[in-house]
Amino acid sequence: MGEALKRMAEMAGVSEEQFLKVLGVLYLFEKGVLGEPRPSSVKERIESDLEKKIIHVLSVERALSVYDLKNLLRVEEGEIEDAVQRLEAEGKVVAVAVQNNKIVAVPNDGTLDIAPLKPEEKRWMVINAYGNRDKGLTYAQLYSFLTSAPKEPSKSRGRKEEVLQALKDGPKRYSELRRALSLSKGSFHWTLAELLKEGKIERIERGLYRLTNTT
């Protein structure tokens, strides 16, 4: 090998050391280390630019659908979805599926970080942030709506009181109780379900109800 290398170097008119350097450079070109970027490298760079554009748009709009992003950025839907998937894996966006579309949002709008919320809360926040874009509601405002207990309608309270009053003189069957209150089937069923959930009444056996903690 040494003699062959020496002869090739002499034929090229260079020293053995220079000849070895040239061979090394040629090897690096062949392996793609030197020279033009390979197609995959170009693709990664373009996708990185797309991710930056998505983040920039969301920093202004906060929540958009994949369809919106596609129309704004004029990019194929598949490319948008791939970029969103990578951003979501890095925690840079939050995405939720809604019917045949997906809503993408920033996790933090400066008023609240929704990333630590429960999945169902996070989903509610993203959907409502998108649905209320024109109102400019912040995450903090939306979260206050989510966590504040809705006031029970007075009509609903009245129905519950009627059921509780009717059970004061002892257990009653479903049909008997309903006849005594003259409520529609839907309203009566809902009222019973709510009182059972609240623990104010209990079902002794099928179709038989009484006030809780009564004997």
Protein backbone atom coordinates (compact mmCIF):
# COMPACT_ATOMS: atom_id res chain seq x y z
CA MET A 1 0.00 0.00 0.00
CA GLY A 2 2.81 2.36 0.87
CA GLU A 3 4.61 1.83 -2.46
CA ALA A 4 1.38 2.14 -4.44
CA LEU A 5 0.52 5.38 -2.64
CA LYS A 6 3.98 6.74 -3.30
CA ARG A 7 3.72 5.95 -7.02
CA MET A 8 0.26 7.59 -7.32
CA ALA A 9 1.55 10.69 -5.53
CA GLU A 10 4.52 10.88 -7.89
CA MET A 11 2.23 10.49 -10.91
CA ALA A 12 0.08 13.35 -9.59
CA GLY A 13 3.16 15.47 -8.93
CA VAL A 14 2.39 15.98 -5.23
CA SER A 15 3.75 14.70 -1.94
CA GLU A 16 2.25 11.66 -0.24
CA GLU A 17 0.79 13.90 2.48
CA GLN A 18 -0.92 16.18 -0.07
CA PHE A 19 -2.25 13.18 -1.95
CA LEU A 20 -3.74 11.72 1.24
CA LYS A 21 -5.48 15.02 1.99
CA VAL A 22 -7.06 15.05 -1.47
CA LEU A 23 -8.27 11.48 -0.99
CA GLY A 24 -9.80 12.48 2.36
CA VAL A 25 -11.66 15.42 0.84
CA LEU A 26 -13.01 13.23 -1.98
CA TYR A 27 -14.23 10.71 0.60
CA LEU A 28 -16.09 13.43 2.53
CA PHE A 29 -17.75 14.64 -0.68
CA GLU A 30 -18.84 11.09 -1.47
CA LYS A 31 -20.41 10.65 1.98
CA GLY A 32 -22.25 13.98 1.72
CA VAL A 33 -20.38 15.64 4.58
CA LEU A 34 -19.10 18.30 2.20
CA GLY A 35 -20.86 19.87 -0.76
CA GLU A 36 -24.52 20.82 -1.34
CA PRO A 37 -27.08 19.97 1.39
CA ARG A 38 -28.89 16.71 0.84
CA PRO A 39 -32.63 16.91 -0.01
CA SER A 40 -33.63 15.88 3.53
CA SER A 41 -31.63 18.76 5.00
CA VAL A 42 -33.40 21.23 2.69
CA LYS A 43 -36.79 19.81 3.70
CA GLU A 44 -36.00 20.15 7.40
CA ARG A 45 -35.01 23.79 6.91
CA ILE A 46 -38.26 24.59 5.05
CA GLU A 47 -40.35 22.87 7.71
CA SER A 48 -38.53 24.83 10.41
CA ASP A 49 -39.49 28.06 8.62
CA LEU A 50 -43.12 26.88 8.49
CA GLU A 51 -43.13 26.22 12.23
CA LYS A 52 -41.85 29.75 12.86
CA LYS A 53 -44.64 31.15 10.68
CA ILE A 54 -47.27 29.15 12.56
CA ILE A 55 -45.98 30.40 15.92
CA HIS A 56 -45.92 33.98 14.61
CA VAL A 57 -49.52 33.81 13.35
CA LEU A 58 -50.74 32.23 16.60
CA SER A 59 -48.97 34.88 18.67
CA VAL A 60 -51.35 37.34 17.02
CA GLU A 61 -54.51 35.24 16.64
CA ARG A 62 -53.94 32.88 19.64
CA ALA A 63 -56.19 30.14 18.22
CA LEU A 64 -56.77 29.06 14.62
CA SER A 65 -57.90 25.94 12.83
CA VAL A 66 -55.60 23.94 10.56
CA TYR A 67 -57.85 25.06 7.71
CA ASP A 68 -57.28 28.73 8.66
CA LEU A 69 -53.51 28.21 8.82
CA LYS A 70 -53.54 26.50 5.44
CA ASN A 71 -55.31 29.47 3.82
CA LEU A 72 -53.20 32.10 5.58
CA LEU A 73 -49.83 30.50 4.91
CA ARG A 74 -50.77 28.99 1.52
CA VAL A 75 -49.29 25.62 2.39
CA GLU A 76 -50.67 22.12 1.90
CA GLU A 77 -52.81 20.90 4.79
CA GLY A 78 -50.58 17.85 5.32
CA GLU A 79 -47.51 20.06 5.81
CA ILE A 80 -49.42 22.20 8.33
CA GLU A 81 -50.51 19.11 10.27
CA ASP A 82 -46.95 17.71 10.35
CA ALA A 83 -45.56 21.03 11.59
CA VAL A 84 -48.32 21.32 14.23
CA GLN A 85 -47.57 17.79 15.43
CA ARG A 86 -43.90 18.66 15.97
CA LEU A 87 -44.75 21.93 17.72
CA GLU A 88 -47.25 20.13 19.95
CA ALA A 89 -44.62 17.52 20.90
CA GLU A 90 -42.33 20.37 21.96
CA GLY A 91 -45.07 22.02 24.01
CA LYS A 92 -45.14 25.12 21.79
CA VAL A 93 -48.80 24.73 20.80
CA VAL A 94 -51.94 22.99 22.07
CA ALA A 95 -54.10 21.23 19.48
CA VAL A 96 -57.54 19.64 19.84
CA ALA A 97 -59.58 17.77 17.25
CA VAL A 98 -63.04 19.18 16.54
CA GLN A 99 -65.17 17.18 14.11
CA ASN A 100 -63.18 17.07 10.84
CA ASN A 101 -60.77 19.85 11.76
CA LYS A 102 -58.17 20.65 14.40
CA ILE A 103 -57.85 23.85 16.41
CA VAL A 104 -54.33 24.98 17.25
CA ALA A 105 -53.58 27.50 20.01
CA VAL A 106 -50.66 28.92 21.96
CA PRO A 107 -50.46 27.37 25.44
CA ASN A 108 -49.88 30.72 27.16
CA ASP A 109 -51.37 34.06 26.08
CA GLY A 110 -49.68 36.06 28.84
CA THR A 111 -52.64 35.82 31.20
CA LEU A 112 -52.71 32.06 31.84
CA ASP A 113 -50.73 28.94 30.93
CA ILE A 114 -53.29 26.29 29.96
CA ALA A 115 -50.72 23.50 29.48
CA PRO A 116 -51.08 22.15 33.08
CA LEU A 117 -54.90 22.02 32.90
CA LYS A 118 -56.80 18.74 32.75
CA PRO A 119 -57.36 17.46 29.17
CA GLU A 120 -61.09 18.27 29.22
CA GLU A 121 -60.42 21.76 30.63
CA LYS A 122 -57.68 22.39 28.06
CA ARG A 123 -60.01 21.28 25.27
CA TRP A 124 -62.78 23.59 26.54
CA MET A 125 -60.34 26.51 26.72
CA VAL A 126 -58.97 26.02 23.17
CA ILE A 127 -62.41 25.61 21.61
CA ASN A 128 -63.78 28.69 23.37
CA ALA A 129 -60.68 30.76 22.65
CA TYR A 130 -61.27 30.00 18.97
CA GLY A 131 -65.01 30.58 19.15
CA ASN A 132 -64.61 33.93 20.95
CA ARG A 133 -61.77 35.37 18.85
CA ASP A 134 -63.80 38.42 17.91
CA LYS A 135 -64.51 39.21 21.59
CA GLY A 136 -60.84 39.22 22.60
CA LEU A 137 -61.44 37.17 25.74
CA THR A 138 -58.21 36.17 27.49
CA TYR A 139 -57.41 32.70 28.80
CA ALA A 140 -57.80 34.04 32.34
CA GLN A 141 -61.29 35.35 31.57
CA LEU A 142 -62.30 32.11 29.88
CA TYR A 143 -60.98 30.09 32.80
CA SER A 144 -63.03 32.16 35.25
CA PHE A 145 -66.13 31.27 33.21
CA LEU A 146 -65.12 27.61 33.23
CA THR A 147 -64.57 27.38 36.98
CA SER A 148 -67.37 29.62 38.22
CA ALA A 149 -70.37 27.59 39.31
CA PRO A 150 -73.41 28.49 37.20
CA LYS A 151 -76.32 29.86 39.18
CA GLU A 152 -79.11 27.38 39.43
CA PRO A 153 -82.30 28.65 37.77
CA SER A 154 -85.03 29.48 40.27
CA LYS A 155 -87.44 27.17 38.43
CA SER A 156 -85.01 24.26 38.92
CA ARG A 157 -84.65 25.06 42.64
CA GLY A 158 -88.42 25.15 42.94
CA ARG A 159 -88.79 21.69 41.39
CA LYS A 160 -86.21 20.24 43.76
CA GLU A 161 -88.00 21.74 46.74
CA GLU A 162 -91.28 20.22 45.55
CA VAL A 163 -89.72 16.74 45.35
CA LEU A 164 -88.10 17.06 48.79
CA GLN A 165 -91.35 18.29 50.32
CA ALA A 166 -93.31 15.41 48.79
CA LEU A 167 -90.88 12.87 50.30
CA LYS A 168 -91.04 14.31 53.82
CA ASP A 169 -93.89 12.03 54.85
CA GLY A 170 -92.06 8.91 53.69
CA PRO A 171 -90.76 6.96 50.66
CA LYS A 172 -92.71 7.19 47.41
CA ARG A 173 -92.63 5.35 44.13
CA TYR A 174 -91.63 7.07 40.88
CA SER A 175 -95.16 7.15 39.41
CA GLU A 176 -96.77 8.26 42.68
CA LEU A 177 -94.24 11.04 43.14
CA ARG A 178 -94.61 12.25 39.59
CA ARG A 179 -98.42 12.40 39.83
CA ALA A 180 -98.20 14.37 43.07
CA LEU A 181 -95.95 17.00 41.48
CA SER A 182 -97.58 17.29 38.04
CA LEU A 183 -94.20 17.66 36.33
CA SER A 184 -93.42 16.64 32.79
CA LYS A 185 -91.54 13.36 32.44
CA GLY A 186 -88.34 15.10 31.30
CA SER A 187 -88.33 17.71 34.08
CA PHE A 188 -89.19 15.14 36.73
CA HIS A 189 -86.49 12.69 35.59
CA TRP A 190 -83.86 15.48 35.50
CA THR A 191 -84.87 16.72 38.98
CA LEU A 192 -84.59 13.23 40.49
CA ALA A 193 -81.20 12.69 38.85
CA GLU A 194 -79.89 15.98 40.25
CA LEU A 195 -81.13 15.26 43.77
CA LEU A 196 -79.58 11.77 43.66
CA LYS A 197 -76.29 13.24 42.51
CA GLU A 198 -76.38 15.84 45.30
CA GLY A 199 -77.12 13.10 47.85
CA LYS A 200 -80.34 14.69 49.05
CA ILE A 201 -82.44 11.65 48.16
CA GLU A 202 -81.67 7.97 47.68
CA ARG A 203 -83.13 5.05 45.77
CA ILE A 204 -84.13 2.26 48.19
CA GLU A 205 -85.02 -0.13 45.40
CA ARG A 206 -86.01 0.16 41.78
CA GLY A 207 -88.57 2.99 41.45
CA LEU A 208 -88.71 3.75 45.21
CA TYR A 209 -87.20 6.98 46.61
CA ARG A 210 -86.80 8.59 50.01
CA LEU A 211 -84.97 11.45 51.68
CA THR A 212 -81.37 10.62 52.56
CA ASN A 213 -80.64 9.49 56.13
CA THR A 214 -84.28 8.69 56.90
CA THR A 215 -85.52 5.37 58.19
